[in-house]
């Protein structure tokens, strides 16, 4: 069986990294390794990681650079590009997750569904319920983070964009899909222990928006924003402002209303009742980013 390398960037991750690595260590898969790339943690993250692996490296650059460092330091034919707040739900999870690489031809990415922890707040449950409702509606969704990716596919597209600090996963998988590789959505969820409070959710939106604003040229950041928010390719070249806004409105507002109506009415997913609040925060934060981007572009053109 192919070796699987878990490539995990960390930064002050002591709350979640222990559970993450413990769930990986108890997998009954015969050949795996854990590669940690730390961004300069000041808490006990590195000490916790050292209990599970000696493959600990340091990279203070953007997230795309840290992930690529992990890829370069790993040996697996399959790379589990995971965050530090992911928990594998059972010892058999990895055996099931690698099956598509064997069962189907030309698989480049296996993208597992995400679930909130059992004791998660309504914020986390709403977010991931919406996440999964969107995925049900998109047969050709562009995969994002926390995926298993073949090394061949990563090397074919020359790896991560090391300048990106956000959206580096969508950028990578977009190039992989455009190179002709197949994506398989894995209906065997991972547990994503993230965004338990409204403050944490808002902070993540601000981090994503400001990272997009600060890391890209005016010609490229609209394209990456489109991919991150809509989960699909904008095609060739930078999308127009109108296309970006239409894509965001369709995927977030219309898609949110549809998910909320179906989830509450048919499936009794009452956590989706706060979805308008979460989408309002997201749209507000990204709206500010998009406005600044266009103002900056106008100034540069004049």
Foldseek 3Di string as FASTA:
>chain_A
DWEEEEEEEDAQLVVAQLQALVLVVLAPDDHYYYAYEYQDHPDCVVVSVVVRHPRYHYDNAAPQQSSVVSVVSDDTQKYQHAYSRWHQDDNHRVVLQCVCVVVDPQAFKEAEQEAADPPAALQRRLVSLLVVLLVVVDPPFQHFHRIMGGPVLCVVQPHFDRLANALSRSVSSVSSVVVPGDYHYDHRYIYGHADRDPVRLLVVLLVRLVRLLPRDDLFPSLQSLLCVQQRDGPPPGHDDPVVSVVSNCVSQVVSLVVSLCCCCVPVVSCSSVCSVVSSVSNCVSNVVSVVVSVVVVVVVVD
